[in-house]
């Protein structure tokens, strides 16, 4: 998916997403993640979103969703005359990592897969938190996935941020939702992770197909997202047809939700 970046000269508040790297501290490790906005767009940055709010006397917007709308790319301040674009501190990936760090999910001896990984932050943190006391026995095994153009980029972040004794427990793999799923074990993961992967309605059927294939009734799916539009609510409704879904965390300051989903048995499986 190609998205046009913001012009950082027009919108200086967003210039940090053009930085070649971003630093974080999780699981007692300092992480430095490369990010490549120019080549891979929003998929390859740890995104701090912006919202559009009307200034006094601003014209009425033609589309209702533009008021308070979150922008992922393709617009600049020039596209919103009379409106202010306000950065939202903290990405969905960061909030999901914070949730994992709270210890509500036991990662040791678990198999996990991250979908639409972008920079790989969530998968890397999951591997670090699942290190265990005997790394060769009780560590987590994490597969970090995204589309093919991001794989070299993801692999570099894993090499840079995952300790040598854990490198064998982290795999970077190509996964386009709904395609080539036979390469991944059906119901073969204890944990499925996704940060800000719910935003393009045309991808919802393929994403649901992928979640259904990768999960069993024992799999926990954790999705962190902002509920931007009605289509995001529609995705949750679609998800509830296959999974039992509950909100387990809400970051009010960042307006980010974390949902936990577990597959329910179909009539055919009962």
C-alpha atoms as a PDB file:
ATOM      1  CA  UNK A   1       0.000   0.000   0.000  1.00  0.00           C
ATOM      2  CA  UNK A   2       1.516   3.309  -1.075  1.00  0.00           C
ATOM      3  CA  UNK A   3       0.639   6.368   0.981  1.00  0.00           C
ATOM      4  CA  UNK A   4       1.907   9.876   0.421  1.00  0.00           C
ATOM      5  CA  UNK A   5       3.854  11.326   3.374  1.00  0.00           C
ATOM      6  CA  UNK A   6       3.164  14.676   4.947  1.00  0.00           C
ATOM      7  CA  UNK A   7       5.294  17.571   3.795  1.00  0.00           C
ATOM      8  CA  UNK A   8       7.316  18.161   6.951  1.00  0.00           C
ATOM      9  CA  UNK A   9       8.032  21.742   5.859  1.00  0.00           C
ATOM     10  CA  UNK A  10       4.297  22.413   5.862  1.00  0.00           C
ATOM     11  CA  UNK A  11       3.648  20.534   9.108  1.00  0.00           C
ATOM     12  CA  UNK A  12       6.772  20.704  11.324  1.00  0.00           C
ATOM     13  CA  UNK A  13       4.988  19.009  14.240  1.00  0.00           C
ATOM     14  CA  UNK A  14       5.142  15.748  12.299  1.00  0.00           C
ATOM     15  CA  UNK A  15       8.792  15.994  11.309  1.00  0.00           C
ATOM     16  CA  UNK A  16       9.839  13.333  13.835  1.00  0.00           C
ATOM     17  CA  UNK A  17       8.199  10.600  11.753  1.00  0.00           C
ATOM     18  CA  UNK A  18      10.765  11.422   9.064  1.00  0.00           C
ATOM     19  CA  UNK A  19      13.578  10.602  11.477  1.00  0.00           C
ATOM     20  CA  UNK A  20      15.595   7.543  10.510  1.00  0.00           C
ATOM     21  CA  UNK A  21      15.118   5.970  13.948  1.00  0.00           C
ATOM     22  CA  UNK A  22      13.082   6.061  17.148  1.00  0.00           C
ATOM     23  CA  UNK A  23      14.087   5.015  20.671  1.00  0.00           C
ATOM     24  CA  UNK A  24      12.040   3.190  23.312  1.00  0.00           C
ATOM     25  CA  UNK A  25      12.614   1.494  26.645  1.00  0.00           C
ATOM     26  CA  UNK A  26      10.751  -1.771  27.215  1.00  0.00           C
ATOM     27  CA  UNK A  27      11.521  -5.030  29.025  1.00  0.00           C
ATOM     28  CA  UNK A  28      14.604  -3.476  30.633  1.00  0.00           C
ATOM     29  CA  UNK A  29      16.089  -2.872  27.205  1.00  0.00           C
ATOM     30  CA  UNK A  30      16.758   0.289  25.283  1.00  0.00           C
ATOM     31  CA  UNK A  31      15.461  -0.231  21.777  1.00  0.00           C
ATOM     32  CA  UNK A  32      16.495   1.762  18.752  1.00  0.00           C
ATOM     33  CA  UNK A  33      14.296   1.046  15.776  1.00  0.00           C
ATOM     34  CA  UNK A  34      15.075   2.120  12.253  1.00  0.00           C
ATOM     35  CA  UNK A  35      12.082   3.600  10.443  1.00  0.00           C
ATOM     36  CA  UNK A  36      11.825   4.279   6.736  1.00  0.00           C
ATOM     37  CA  UNK A  37       9.062   6.742   5.930  1.00  0.00           C
ATOM     38  CA  UNK A  38      10.334   7.718   2.499  1.00  0.00           C
ATOM     39  CA  UNK A  39      10.509   4.159   1.139  1.00  0.00           C
ATOM     40  CA  UNK A  40       7.738   2.330   2.990  1.00  0.00           C
ATOM     41  CA  UNK A  41       5.383   5.095   4.169  1.00  0.00           C
ATOM     42  CA  UNK A  42       3.286   4.860   7.341  1.00  0.00           C
ATOM     43  CA  UNK A  43       3.840   1.119   7.658  1.00  0.00           C
ATOM     44  CA  UNK A  44       7.464   1.708   8.601  1.00  0.00           C
ATOM     45  CA  UNK A  45       7.228   4.305  11.350  1.00  0.00           C
ATOM     46  CA  UNK A  46       6.057   4.135  14.947  1.00  0.00           C
ATOM     47  CA  UNK A  47       3.169   6.442  14.242  1.00  0.00           C
ATOM     48  CA  UNK A  48       2.151   9.450  16.296  1.00  0.00           C
ATOM     49  CA  UNK A  49      -1.139  10.376  14.656  1.00  0.00           C
ATOM     50  CA  UNK A  50      -2.735  13.757  14.346  1.00  0.00           C
ATOM     51  CA  UNK A  51      -6.305  14.921  14.654  1.00  0.00           C
ATOM     52  CA  UNK A  52      -8.032  17.676  12.773  1.00  0.00           C
ATOM     53  CA  UNK A  53      -9.878  20.261  14.847  1.00  0.00           C
ATOM     54  CA  UNK A  54     -11.679  23.381  13.567  1.00  0.00           C
ATOM     55  CA  UNK A  55     -10.300  26.814  14.371  1.00  0.00           C
ATOM     56  CA  UNK A  56     -12.684  29.689  15.014  1.00  0.00           C
ATOM     57  CA  UNK A  57     -14.515  30.646  11.825  1.00  0.00           C
ATOM     58  CA  UNK A  58     -13.366  27.565   9.915  1.00  0.00           C
ATOM     59  CA  UNK A  59     -15.634  26.456   7.092  1.00  0.00           C
ATOM     60  CA  UNK A  60     -17.893  23.449   7.507  1.00  0.00           C
ATOM     61  CA  UNK A  61     -16.184  20.323   6.242  1.00  0.00           C
ATOM     62  CA  UNK A  62     -17.853  18.379   3.461  1.00  0.00           C
ATOM     63  CA  UNK A  63     -17.186  15.029   5.147  1.00  0.00           C
ATOM     64  CA  UNK A  64     -18.353  14.581   8.714  1.00  0.00           C
ATOM     65  CA  UNK A  65     -15.479  12.275   9.614  1.00  0.00           C
ATOM     66  CA  UNK A  66     -12.936  15.054   9.007  1.00  0.00           C
ATOM     67  CA  UNK A  67     -13.953  16.738  12.254  1.00  0.00           C
ATOM     68  CA  UNK A  68     -11.751  15.108  14.869  1.00  0.00           C
ATOM     69  CA  UNK A  69     -10.525  12.755  12.187  1.00  0.00           C
ATOM     70  CA  UNK A  70      -7.260  10.920  12.582  1.00  0.00           C
ATOM     71  CA  UNK A  71      -4.973  11.186   9.584  1.00  0.00           C
ATOM     72  CA  UNK A  72      -2.548   8.430   8.614  1.00  0.00           C
ATOM     73  CA  UNK A  73      -1.017  10.042   5.547  1.00  0.00           C
ATOM     74  CA  UNK A  74      -1.622  11.841   2.317  1.00  0.00           C
ATOM     75  CA  UNK A  75      -2.732  15.214   3.712  1.00  0.00           C
ATOM     76  CA  UNK A  76      -0.932  18.304   4.899  1.00  0.00           C
ATOM     77  CA  UNK A  77      -1.996  21.418   6.767  1.00  0.00           C
ATOM     78  CA  UNK A  78      -2.709  23.026   3.393  1.00  0.00           C
ATOM     79  CA  UNK A  79      -5.552  20.536   2.905  1.00  0.00           C
ATOM     80  CA  UNK A  80      -7.304  21.858   6.028  1.00  0.00           C
ATOM     81  CA  UNK A  81      -7.511  25.682   5.774  1.00  0.00           C
ATOM     82  CA  UNK A  82      -8.765  27.112   9.062  1.00  0.00           C
ATOM     83  CA  UNK A  83      -8.124  23.862  10.931  1.00  0.00           C
ATOM     84  CA  UNK A  84      -5.416  22.824  13.375  1.00  0.00           C
ATOM     85  CA  UNK A  85      -3.637  19.466  13.148  1.00  0.00           C
ATOM     86  CA  UNK A  86      -2.762  18.273  16.646  1.00  0.00           C
ATOM     87  CA  UNK A  87      -0.267  15.430  17.219  1.00  0.00           C
ATOM     88  CA  UNK A  88      -1.477  12.539  19.376  1.00  0.00           C
ATOM     89  CA  UNK A  89       1.355  11.364  21.602  1.00  0.00           C
ATOM     90  CA  UNK A  90       1.949   7.645  21.667  1.00  0.00           C
ATOM     91  CA  UNK A  91       1.260   5.041  19.015  1.00  0.00           C
ATOM     92  CA  UNK A  92      -0.942   1.983  19.210  1.00  0.00           C
ATOM     93  CA  UNK A  93       2.214  -0.162  19.099  1.00  0.00           C
ATOM     94  CA  UNK A  94       3.611   1.628  22.142  1.00  0.00           C
ATOM     95  CA  UNK A  95       0.352   1.173  24.068  1.00  0.00           C
ATOM     96  CA  UNK A  96       0.236  -2.534  23.214  1.00  0.00           C
ATOM     97  CA  UNK A  97       3.834  -2.908  24.417  1.00  0.00           C
ATOM     98  CA  UNK A  98       2.895  -1.112  27.634  1.00  0.00           C
ATOM     99  CA  UNK A  99      -0.005  -3.520  28.095  1.00  0.00           C
ATOM    100  CA  UNK A 100       2.249  -6.541  27.559  1.00  0.00           C
ATOM    101  CA  UNK A 101       4.698  -5.136  30.075  1.00  0.00           C
ATOM    102  CA  UNK A 102       1.959  -5.035  32.723  1.00  0.00           C
ATOM    103  CA  UNK A 103       2.194  -8.825  32.822  1.00  0.00           C
ATOM    104  CA  UNK A 104      -1.418  -9.676  32.023  1.00  0.00           C
ATOM    105  CA  UNK A 105      -0.206 -12.078  29.325  1.00  0.00           C
ATOM    106  CA  UNK A 106       2.227 -14.881  30.108  1.00  0.00           C
ATOM    107  CA  UNK A 107       4.677 -14.939  27.212  1.00  0.00           C
ATOM    108  CA  UNK A 108       7.105 -17.583  28.435  1.00  0.00           C
ATOM    109  CA  UNK A 109       7.018 -20.835  26.461  1.00  0.00           C
ATOM    110  CA  UNK A 110       4.424 -19.302  24.125  1.00  0.00           C
ATOM    111  CA  UNK A 111       4.326 -19.081  20.358  1.00  0.00           C
ATOM    112  CA  UNK A 112       3.331 -15.619  19.160  1.00  0.00           C
ATOM    113  CA  UNK A 113       2.851 -13.972  15.785  1.00  0.00           C
ATOM    114  CA  UNK A 114       2.655 -10.256  15.032  1.00  0.00           C
ATOM    115  CA  UNK A 115       0.603  -9.157  12.014  1.00  0.00           C
ATOM    116  CA  UNK A 116       1.345  -6.018  10.008  1.00  0.00           C
ATOM    117  CA  UNK A 117       4.422  -5.463  12.120  1.00  0.00           C
ATOM    118  CA  UNK A 118       5.761  -2.257  10.567  1.00  0.00           C
ATOM    119  CA  UNK A 119       8.926  -1.587  12.569  1.00  0.00           C
ATOM    120  CA  UNK A 120       8.515  -4.823  14.552  1.00  0.00           C
ATOM    121  CA  UNK A 121       8.345  -3.068  17.927  1.00  0.00           C
ATOM    122  CA  UNK A 122       5.554  -5.210  19.383  1.00  0.00           C
ATOM    123  CA  UNK A 123       7.082  -8.516  18.306  1.00  0.00           C
ATOM    124  CA  UNK A 124      10.518  -7.537  19.576  1.00  0.00           C
ATOM    125  CA  UNK A 125       9.103  -6.516  22.967  1.00  0.00           C
ATOM    126  CA  UNK A 126       7.106  -9.774  23.150  1.00  0.00           C
ATOM    127  CA  UNK A 127      10.304 -11.756  22.567  1.00  0.00           C
ATOM    128  CA  UNK A 128      12.162  -9.809  25.257  1.00  0.00           C
ATOM    129  CA  UNK A 129       9.351 -10.214  27.785  1.00  0.00           C
ATOM    130  CA  UNK A 130       9.137 -13.927  27.003  1.00  0.00           C
ATOM    131  CA  UNK A 131      12.812 -14.520  27.569  1.00  0.00           C
ATOM    132  CA  UNK A 132      12.344 -16.867  30.532  1.00  0.00           C
ATOM    133  CA  UNK A 133      14.964 -18.026  33.011  1.00  0.00           C
ATOM    134  CA  UNK A 134      16.447 -20.638  30.701  1.00  0.00           C
ATOM    135  CA  UNK A 135      16.315 -19.049  27.295  1.00  0.00           C
ATOM    136  CA  UNK A 136      16.859 -22.301  25.427  1.00  0.00           C
ATOM    137  CA  UNK A 137      13.879 -23.986  27.118  1.00  0.00           C
ATOM    138  CA  UNK A 138      11.185 -21.616  28.342  1.00  0.00           C
ATOM    139  CA  UNK A 139      11.518 -18.634  26.036  1.00  0.00           C
ATOM    140  CA  UNK A 140       8.779 -17.351  23.765  1.00  0.00           C
ATOM    141  CA  UNK A 141       8.994 -17.991  20.035  1.00  0.00           C
ATOM    142  CA  UNK A 142       7.839 -14.982  18.022  1.00  0.00           C
ATOM    143  CA  UNK A 143       7.123 -14.680  14.308  1.00  0.00           C
ATOM    144  CA  UNK A 144       7.071 -11.078  13.067  1.00  0.00           C
ATOM    145  CA  UNK A 145       5.209 -10.656   9.791  1.00  0.00           C
ATOM    146  CA  UNK A 146       4.506  -8.053   7.175  1.00  0.00           C
ATOM    147  CA  UNK A 147       4.413  -7.767   3.409  1.00  0.00           C
ATOM    148  CA  UNK A 148       7.532  -8.542   1.387  1.00  0.00           C
ATOM    149  CA  UNK A 149       8.851  -4.968   0.913  1.00  0.00           C
ATOM    150  CA  UNK A 150       9.223  -4.575   4.691  1.00  0.00           C
ATOM    151  CA  UNK A 151      11.128  -7.793   5.424  1.00  0.00           C
ATOM    152  CA  UNK A 152      14.722  -6.558   5.071  1.00  0.00           C
ATOM    153  CA  UNK A 153      13.825  -3.564   7.161  1.00  0.00           C
ATOM    154  CA  UNK A 154      12.185  -5.737   9.850  1.00  0.00           C
ATOM    155  CA  UNK A 155      15.100  -8.168   9.901  1.00  0.00           C
ATOM    156  CA  UNK A 156      17.541  -5.313  10.495  1.00  0.00           C
ATOM    157  CA  UNK A 157      15.513  -4.120  13.502  1.00  0.00           C
ATOM    158  CA  UNK A 158      15.462  -7.643  14.953  1.00  0.00           C
ATOM    159  CA  UNK A 159      19.229  -8.042  14.520  1.00  0.00           C
ATOM    160  CA  UNK A 160      19.846  -4.669  16.141  1.00  0.00           C
ATOM    161  CA  UNK A 161      17.520  -5.031  19.130  1.00  0.00           C
ATOM    162  CA  UNK A 162      17.190  -8.718  20.017  1.00  0.00           C
ATOM    163  CA  UNK A 163      20.097 -10.140  22.086  1.00  0.00           C
ATOM    164  CA  UNK A 164      22.206 -12.823  20.421  1.00  0.00           C
ATOM    165  CA  UNK A 165      20.902 -15.581  22.690  1.00  0.00           C
ATOM    166  CA  UNK A 166      17.334 -14.812  21.612  1.00  0.00           C
ATOM    167  CA  UNK A 167      17.909 -14.363  17.883  1.00  0.00           C
ATOM    168  CA  UNK A 168      16.894 -17.956  17.225  1.00  0.00           C
ATOM    169  CA  UNK A 169      13.549 -17.379  18.921  1.00  0.00           C
ATOM    170  CA  UNK A 170      12.486 -14.565  16.572  1.00  0.00           C
ATOM    171  CA  UNK A 171      11.595 -15.143  12.940  1.00  0.00           C
ATOM    172  CA  UNK A 172      10.745 -12.524  10.318  1.00  0.00           C
ATOM    173  CA  UNK A 173       8.345 -13.842   7.697  1.00  0.00           C
ATOM    174  CA  UNK A 174       6.282 -12.567   4.763  1.00  0.00           C
ATOM    175  CA  UNK A 175       2.544 -12.612   5.282  1.00  0.00           C
ATOM    176  CA  UNK A 176      -0.006 -10.892   3.115  1.00  0.00           C
ATOM    177  CA  UNK A 177      -3.361 -11.352   4.807  1.00  0.00           C
ATOM    178  CA  UNK A 178      -5.503 -14.009   3.199  1.00  0.00           C
ATOM    179  CA  UNK A 179      -2.713 -15.267   0.932  1.00  0.00           C
ATOM    180  CA  UNK A 180      -0.465 -18.295   1.311  1.00  0.00           C
ATOM    181  CA  UNK A 181      -1.887 -19.124   4.734  1.00  0.00           C
ATOM    182  CA  UNK A 182      -1.001 -22.786   4.253  1.00  0.00           C
ATOM    183  CA  UNK A 183       2.602 -21.794   5.020  1.00  0.00           C
ATOM    184  CA  UNK A 184       1.523 -21.076   8.599  1.00  0.00           C
ATOM    185  CA  UNK A 185       0.212 -23.752  10.962  1.00  0.00           C
ATOM    186  CA  UNK A 186      -3.550 -23.692  11.337  1.00  0.00           C
ATOM    187  CA  UNK A 187      -4.349 -22.811  14.934  1.00  0.00           C
ATOM    188  CA  UNK A 188      -0.646 -22.959  15.676  1.00  0.00           C
ATOM    189  CA  UNK A 189      -0.151 -19.860  17.844  1.00  0.00           C
ATOM    190  CA  UNK A 190      -0.803 -19.108  21.488  1.00  0.00           C
ATOM    191  CA  UNK A 191      -0.847 -15.352  20.921  1.00  0.00           C
ATOM    192  CA  UNK A 192      -1.622 -13.134  17.924  1.00  0.00           C
ATOM    193  CA  UNK A 193      -0.615  -9.474  18.144  1.00  0.00           C
ATOM    194  CA  UNK A 194      -1.709  -6.556  15.986  1.00  0.00           C
ATOM    195  CA  UNK A 195      -1.162  -2.821  16.465  1.00  0.00           C
ATOM    196  CA  UNK A 196      -3.124  -0.395  14.288  1.00  0.00           C
ATOM    197  CA  UNK A 197      -3.989  -2.982  11.673  1.00  0.00           C
ATOM    198  CA  UNK A 198      -7.707  -2.119  11.631  1.00  0.00           C
ATOM    199  CA  UNK A 199      -8.156   0.878   9.346  1.00  0.00           C
ATOM    200  CA  UNK A 200      -8.665  -0.164   5.713  1.00  0.00           C
ATOM    201  CA  UNK A 201     -12.110  -1.661   5.222  1.00  0.00           C
ATOM    202  CA  UNK A 202     -11.125  -3.499   2.055  1.00  0.00           C
ATOM    203  CA  UNK A 203      -8.608  -5.544   4.096  1.00  0.00           C
ATOM    204  CA  UNK A 204     -11.109  -6.640   6.770  1.00  0.00           C
ATOM    205  CA  UNK A 205     -12.200  -9.950   5.134  1.00  0.00           C
ATOM    206  CA  UNK A 206      -8.587 -11.022   4.517  1.00  0.00           C
ATOM    207  CA  UNK A 207      -7.552  -9.994   8.035  1.00  0.00           C
ATOM    208  CA  UNK A 208     -10.425 -11.979   9.562  1.00  0.00           C
ATOM    209  CA  UNK A 209      -9.558 -14.979   7.398  1.00  0.00           C
ATOM    210  CA  UNK A 210      -5.957 -14.751   8.612  1.00  0.00           C
ATOM    211  CA  UNK A 211      -6.947 -14.461  12.273  1.00  0.00           C
ATOM    212  CA  UNK A 212      -9.273 -17.437  11.924  1.00  0.00           C
ATOM    213  CA  UNK A 213      -6.587 -19.561  10.274  1.00  0.00           C
ATOM    214  CA  UNK A 214      -3.837 -18.775  12.791  1.00  0.00           C
ATOM    215  CA  UNK A 215      -5.945 -19.227  15.913  1.00  0.00           C
ATOM    216  CA  UNK A 216      -7.507 -22.056  17.882  1.00  0.00           C
ATOM    217  CA  UNK A 217      -9.935 -21.848  20.793  1.00  0.00           C
ATOM    218  CA  UNK A 218      -6.894 -21.517  23.063  1.00  0.00           C
ATOM    219  CA  UNK A 219      -5.314 -18.625  21.141  1.00  0.00           C
ATOM    220  CA  UNK A 220      -5.444 -15.109  22.550  1.00  0.00           C
ATOM    221  CA  UNK A 221      -5.655 -12.279  20.010  1.00  0.00           C
ATOM    222  CA  UNK A 222      -4.620  -8.807  21.199  1.00  0.00           C
ATOM    223  CA  UNK A 223      -5.422  -5.865  18.948  1.00  0.00           C
ATOM    224  CA  UNK A 224      -4.624  -2.257  19.802  1.00  0.00           C
ATOM    225  CA  UNK A 225      -6.352   0.413  17.772  1.00  0.00           C
ATOM    226  CA  UNK A 226      -8.146   3.701  17.723  1.00  0.00           C
ATOM    227  CA  UNK A 227     -11.819   3.609  16.831  1.00  0.00           C
ATOM    228  CA  UNK A 228     -11.791   6.263  14.147  1.00  0.00           C
ATOM    229  CA  UNK A 229     -14.861   5.702  12.053  1.00  0.00           C
ATOM    230  CA  UNK A 230     -17.969   3.568  11.750  1.00  0.00           C
ATOM    231  CA  UNK A 231     -16.007   1.108   9.629  1.00  0.00           C
ATOM    232  CA  UNK A 232     -13.781   0.318  12.605  1.00  0.00           C
ATOM    233  CA  UNK A 233     -16.876  -0.527  14.639  1.00  0.00           C
ATOM    234  CA  UNK A 234     -18.011  -2.699  11.740  1.00  0.00           C
ATOM    235  CA  UNK A 235     -14.764  -4.636  11.931  1.00  0.00           C
ATOM    236  CA  UNK A 236     -15.345  -5.322  15.620  1.00  0.00           C
ATOM    237  CA  UNK A 237     -18.840  -6.557  14.782  1.00  0.00           C
ATOM    238  CA  UNK A 238     -17.384  -8.856  12.117  1.00  0.00           C
ATOM    239  CA  UNK A 239     -14.788 -10.081  14.595  1.00  0.00           C
ATOM    240  CA  UNK A 240     -17.501 -10.908  17.135  1.00  0.00           C
ATOM    241  CA  UNK A 241     -19.056 -13.332  14.641  1.00  0.00           C
ATOM    242  CA  UNK A 242     -16.006 -15.561  15.058  1.00  0.00           C
ATOM    243  CA  UNK A 243     -14.459 -14.522  18.365  1.00  0.00           C
ATOM    244  CA  UNK A 244     -15.453 -13.586  21.881  1.00  0.00           C
ATOM    245  CA  UNK A 245     -14.218  -9.989  22.120  1.00  0.00           C
ATOM    246  CA  UNK A 246     -13.668  -7.780  25.142  1.00  0.00           C
ATOM    247  CA  UNK A 247     -11.891  -4.517  25.741  1.00  0.00           C
ATOM    248  CA  UNK A 248      -9.122  -5.171  28.269  1.00  0.00           C
ATOM    249  CA  UNK A 249      -7.391  -1.799  28.287  1.00  0.00           C
ATOM    250  CA  UNK A 250      -8.143   1.777  27.308  1.00  0.00           C
ATOM    251  CA  UNK A 251      -5.546   4.532  27.266  1.00  0.00           C
ATOM    252  CA  UNK A 252      -7.720   7.593  27.678  1.00  0.00           C
ATOM    253  CA  UNK A 253      -4.928  10.095  27.075  1.00  0.00           C
ATOM    254  CA  UNK A 254      -4.045   8.550  23.727  1.00  0.00           C
ATOM    255  CA  UNK A 255      -7.563   7.307  22.906  1.00  0.00           C
ATOM    256  CA  UNK A 256      -6.268   3.812  22.201  1.00  0.00           C
ATOM    257  CA  UNK A 257      -8.159   0.577  22.909  1.00  0.00           C
ATOM    258  CA  UNK A 258      -6.713  -2.892  23.446  1.00  0.00           C
ATOM    259  CA  UNK A 259      -9.104  -5.732  22.613  1.00  0.00           C
ATOM    260  CA  UNK A 260      -8.748  -9.387  23.586  1.00  0.00           C
ATOM    261  CA  UNK A 261     -10.368 -11.931  21.301  1.00  0.00           C
ATOM    262  CA  UNK A 262     -10.706 -15.706  21.617  1.00  0.00           C
ATOM    263  CA  UNK A 263     -12.256 -17.936  18.973  1.00  0.00           C
ATOM    264  CA  UNK A 264     -15.639 -19.458  19.649  1.00  0.00           C
ATOM    265  CA  UNK A 265     -16.599 -22.847  18.311  1.00  0.00           C
ATOM    266  CA  UNK A 266     -18.833 -22.900  15.267  1.00  0.00           C
ATOM    267  CA  UNK A 267     -21.854 -25.197  15.045  1.00  0.00           C
ATOM    268  CA  UNK A 268     -19.839 -27.487  12.792  1.00  0.00           C
ATOM    269  CA  UNK A 269     -17.128 -27.786  15.455  1.00  0.00           C
ATOM    270  CA  UNK A 270     -19.519 -28.538  18.319  1.00  0.00           C
END
